[in-house]
Structures are given as C-alpha cells and as structure tokens.
C-alpha cells in the first residue's frame, strides 16, 4: 500500500488514457532491485478520484502526458 501512495504523491509520469479519458495512469519506477526496469502503474478514475487498480508493467501506455508538463 505504501508503494501505491508514493506513486500517487510522487509520480514519474501521469498519462491520460486514450480509451477512457477519465482514467489517469500514474507511473513510478520503484527502487526495488527485483523489479528491474519495470514500473508501478496506478490507475485512477479522475471523476470521484478513486484507485481502479495497480499493477507492475514493463512499459507505459500511450496517451497524453499531463505530468510532468511538456511544452
């Protein structure tokens, strides 16, 4: 649970889902050697602001990056 909270408070990247614009993917590369180059992905429904799911993934999904802001 602490890893999920940390990913939400300090994400490396936040992406808006192209398939579900109300969903945000919060990505954080955990400092756990066993995971290698994988990311913790926490999916948050922006309407109602609740966690849908969390998982470990090898790559980030495509979509509009909203954090950090790009110019």
N, C-alpha and C. Protein backbone atom coordinates (compact mmCIF):
# COMPACT_ATOMS: atom_id res chain seq x y z
N UNK A 1 0.82 -1.20 0.00
CA UNK A 1 0.00 0.00 0.00
C UNK A 1 0.86 1.26 0.00
N UNK A 2 1.99 1.24 0.68
CA UNK A 2 2.85 2.41 0.70
C UNK A 2 3.39 2.74 -0.68
N UNK A 3 3.69 1.72 -1.48
CA UNK A 3 4.20 1.95 -2.83
C UNK A 3 3.15 2.65 -3.69
N UNK A 4 1.89 2.29 -3.53
CA UNK A 4 0.81 2.92 -4.30
C UNK A 4 0.66 4.38 -3.89
N UNK A 5 0.66 4.63 -2.59
CA UNK A 5 0.55 6.00 -2.11
C UNK A 5 1.72 6.84 -2.60
N UNK A 6 2.92 6.29 -2.55
CA UNK A 6 4.10 7.02 -3.01
C UNK A 6 4.01 7.31 -4.50
N UNK A 7 3.53 6.36 -5.28
CA UNK A 7 3.38 6.57 -6.73
C UNK A 7 2.38 7.68 -7.02
N UNK A 8 1.33 7.77 -6.21
CA UNK A 8 0.34 8.82 -6.42
C UNK A 8 0.85 10.19 -5.99
N UNK A 9 1.63 10.23 -4.93
CA UNK A 9 2.15 11.52 -4.44
C UNK A 9 3.37 12.00 -5.23
N UNK A 10 4.16 11.06 -5.76
CA UNK A 10 5.41 11.40 -6.44
C UNK A 10 5.55 10.62 -7.75
N UNK A 11 4.64 10.80 -8.69
CA UNK A 11 4.74 10.03 -9.94
C UNK A 11 5.91 10.50 -10.80
N UNK A 12 6.45 9.56 -11.57
CA UNK A 12 7.43 9.93 -12.59
C UNK A 12 6.70 10.51 -13.80
N UNK A 13 5.55 9.91 -14.12
CA UNK A 13 4.76 10.31 -15.28
C UNK A 13 3.28 10.07 -14.97
N UNK A 14 2.42 10.96 -15.48
CA UNK A 14 0.97 10.75 -15.43
C UNK A 14 0.45 10.88 -16.86
N UNK A 15 -0.30 9.88 -17.29
CA UNK A 15 -0.82 9.82 -18.66
C UNK A 15 -2.33 9.67 -18.63
N UNK A 16 -3.01 10.42 -19.50
CA UNK A 16 -4.46 10.28 -19.67
C UNK A 16 -4.71 9.12 -20.62
N UNK A 17 -5.58 8.22 -20.23
CA UNK A 17 -5.89 7.07 -21.07
C UNK A 17 -6.62 7.52 -22.34
N UNK A 18 -6.16 7.08 -23.52
CA UNK A 18 -6.87 7.43 -24.75
C UNK A 18 -8.21 6.71 -24.88
N UNK A 19 -8.32 5.54 -24.26
CA UNK A 19 -9.55 4.75 -24.35
C UNK A 19 -10.60 5.21 -23.34
N UNK A 20 -10.15 5.75 -22.22
CA UNK A 20 -11.07 6.21 -21.16
C UNK A 20 -10.52 7.52 -20.61
N UNK A 21 -10.92 8.65 -21.19
CA UNK A 21 -10.34 9.95 -20.82
C UNK A 21 -10.48 10.34 -19.35
N UNK A 22 -11.35 9.67 -18.60
CA UNK A 22 -11.46 9.95 -17.17
C UNK A 22 -10.42 9.19 -16.35
N UNK A 23 -9.67 8.30 -16.98
CA UNK A 23 -8.67 7.50 -16.27
C UNK A 23 -7.29 8.12 -16.43
N UNK A 24 -6.55 8.11 -15.34
CA UNK A 24 -5.18 8.59 -15.33
C UNK A 24 -4.28 7.44 -14.91
N UNK A 25 -3.17 7.27 -15.63
CA UNK A 25 -2.17 6.26 -15.30
C UNK A 25 -1.01 6.96 -14.60
N UNK A 26 -0.80 6.63 -13.34
CA UNK A 26 0.31 7.17 -12.57
C UNK A 26 1.43 6.14 -12.58
N UNK A 27 2.58 6.53 -13.15
CA UNK A 27 3.71 5.60 -13.26
C UNK A 27 4.83 6.03 -12.32
N UNK A 28 5.39 5.05 -11.66
CA UNK A 28 6.55 5.28 -10.79
C UNK A 28 7.47 4.08 -10.92
N UNK A 29 8.74 4.36 -11.14
CA UNK A 29 9.73 3.28 -11.19
C UNK A 29 10.20 3.03 -9.74
N UNK A 30 9.75 1.93 -9.15
CA UNK A 30 10.10 1.68 -7.75
C UNK A 30 11.58 1.35 -7.58
N UNK A 31 12.09 1.64 -6.40
CA UNK A 31 13.51 1.35 -6.12
C UNK A 31 13.64 -0.04 -5.50
N UNK A 32 13.08 -1.02 -6.20
CA UNK A 32 13.15 -2.41 -5.75
C UNK A 32 13.96 -3.18 -6.80
N UNK A 33 15.13 -3.68 -6.42
CA UNK A 33 16.00 -4.35 -7.40
C UNK A 33 15.34 -5.53 -8.10
N UNK A 34 14.42 -6.20 -7.45
CA UNK A 34 13.78 -7.38 -8.04
C UNK A 34 12.92 -7.03 -9.26
N UNK A 35 12.48 -5.78 -9.37
CA UNK A 35 11.60 -5.39 -10.48
C UNK A 35 12.36 -4.94 -11.72
N UNK A 36 13.64 -4.71 -11.61
CA UNK A 36 14.42 -4.30 -12.78
C UNK A 36 13.95 -2.97 -13.33
N UNK A 37 13.67 -2.93 -14.65
CA UNK A 37 13.26 -1.69 -15.32
C UNK A 37 11.75 -1.53 -15.40
N UNK A 38 11.00 -2.19 -14.56
CA UNK A 38 9.54 -2.13 -14.64
C UNK A 38 8.99 -0.94 -13.86
N UNK A 39 7.72 -0.65 -14.12
CA UNK A 39 7.03 0.47 -13.49
C UNK A 39 5.89 -0.05 -12.63
N UNK A 40 5.59 0.70 -11.58
CA UNK A 40 4.34 0.51 -10.86
C UNK A 40 3.35 1.45 -11.53
N UNK A 41 2.21 0.92 -11.97
CA UNK A 41 1.17 1.72 -12.61
C UNK A 41 -0.07 1.70 -11.73
N UNK A 42 -0.51 2.89 -11.32
CA UNK A 42 -1.73 3.03 -10.53
C UNK A 42 -2.75 3.75 -11.41
N UNK A 43 -3.88 3.10 -11.65
CA UNK A 43 -4.93 3.69 -12.49
C UNK A 43 -5.94 4.35 -11.57
N UNK A 44 -6.17 5.65 -11.82
CA UNK A 44 -7.08 6.43 -11.00
C UNK A 44 -8.20 6.98 -11.88
N UNK A 45 -9.43 6.83 -11.43
CA UNK A 45 -10.59 7.42 -12.11
C UNK A 45 -10.66 8.87 -11.63
N UNK A 46 -10.52 9.83 -12.55
CA UNK A 46 -10.47 11.23 -12.14
C UNK A 46 -11.81 11.74 -11.63
N UNK A 47 -12.91 11.17 -12.13
CA UNK A 47 -14.23 11.52 -11.62
C UNK A 47 -14.46 10.68 -10.37
N UNK A 48 -14.49 11.32 -9.23
CA UNK A 48 -14.64 10.59 -7.99
C UNK A 48 -13.31 10.29 -7.32
N UNK A 49 -12.23 10.42 -8.07
CA UNK A 49 -10.86 10.25 -7.57
C UNK A 49 -10.67 9.00 -6.73
N UNK A 50 -10.83 7.84 -7.36
CA UNK A 50 -10.57 6.59 -6.65
C UNK A 50 -9.66 5.70 -7.48
N UNK A 51 -8.92 4.84 -6.80
CA UNK A 51 -7.99 3.91 -7.45
C UNK A 51 -8.78 2.77 -8.06
N UNK A 52 -8.58 2.54 -9.35
CA UNK A 52 -9.24 1.45 -10.06
C UNK A 52 -8.43 0.16 -9.88
N UNK A 53 -7.13 0.25 -10.12
CA UNK A 53 -6.25 -0.91 -10.00
C UNK A 53 -4.80 -0.43 -9.93
N UNK A 54 -3.92 -1.34 -9.58
CA UNK A 54 -2.49 -1.08 -9.58
C UNK A 54 -1.79 -2.35 -10.01
N UNK A 55 -0.74 -2.19 -10.81
CA UNK A 55 0.00 -3.36 -11.29
C UNK A 55 1.42 -2.97 -11.66
N UNK A 56 2.25 -3.97 -11.87
CA UNK A 56 3.61 -3.76 -12.35
C UNK A 56 3.60 -4.03 -13.85
N UNK A 57 4.24 -3.14 -14.60
CA UNK A 57 4.25 -3.27 -16.06
C UNK A 57 5.63 -2.95 -16.61
N UNK A 58 5.92 -3.50 -17.78
CA UNK A 58 7.22 -3.30 -18.41
C UNK A 58 7.31 -1.99 -19.18
N UNK A 59 6.15 -1.46 -19.60
CA UNK A 59 6.19 -0.21 -20.38
C UNK A 59 4.96 0.62 -20.08
N UNK A 60 5.08 1.90 -20.40
CA UNK A 60 3.97 2.83 -20.18
C UNK A 60 3.02 2.79 -21.36
N UNK A 61 1.75 3.00 -21.07
CA UNK A 61 0.75 3.05 -22.13
C UNK A 61 0.86 4.36 -22.89
N UNK A 62 0.33 4.35 -24.11
CA UNK A 62 0.29 5.59 -24.90
C UNK A 62 -0.86 6.44 -24.42
N UNK A 63 -0.73 7.73 -24.62
CA UNK A 63 -1.77 8.65 -24.22
C UNK A 63 -1.16 10.03 -24.06
N UNK A 64 -1.94 10.97 -23.59
CA UNK A 64 -1.47 12.34 -23.40
C UNK A 64 -0.79 12.44 -22.04
N UNK A 65 0.45 12.86 -22.06
CA UNK A 65 1.20 13.02 -20.81
C UNK A 65 0.80 14.35 -20.18
N UNK A 66 0.33 14.31 -18.93
CA UNK A 66 -0.06 15.54 -18.23
C UNK A 66 0.90 15.87 -17.08
N UNK A 67 1.78 14.93 -16.73
CA UNK A 67 2.81 15.20 -15.73
C UNK A 67 4.04 14.38 -16.04
N UNK A 68 5.22 14.91 -15.99
CA UNK A 68 5.44 16.35 -15.90
C UNK A 68 4.95 17.03 -17.16
N UNK A 69 4.61 18.29 -17.00
CA UNK A 69 4.09 19.03 -18.15
C UNK A 69 5.13 19.12 -19.24
N UNK A 70 4.70 18.94 -20.47
CA UNK A 70 5.60 19.06 -21.61
C UNK A 70 5.24 20.33 -22.37
N UNK A 71 6.23 20.92 -22.99
CA UNK A 71 5.97 22.16 -23.74
C UNK A 71 6.10 21.94 -25.21
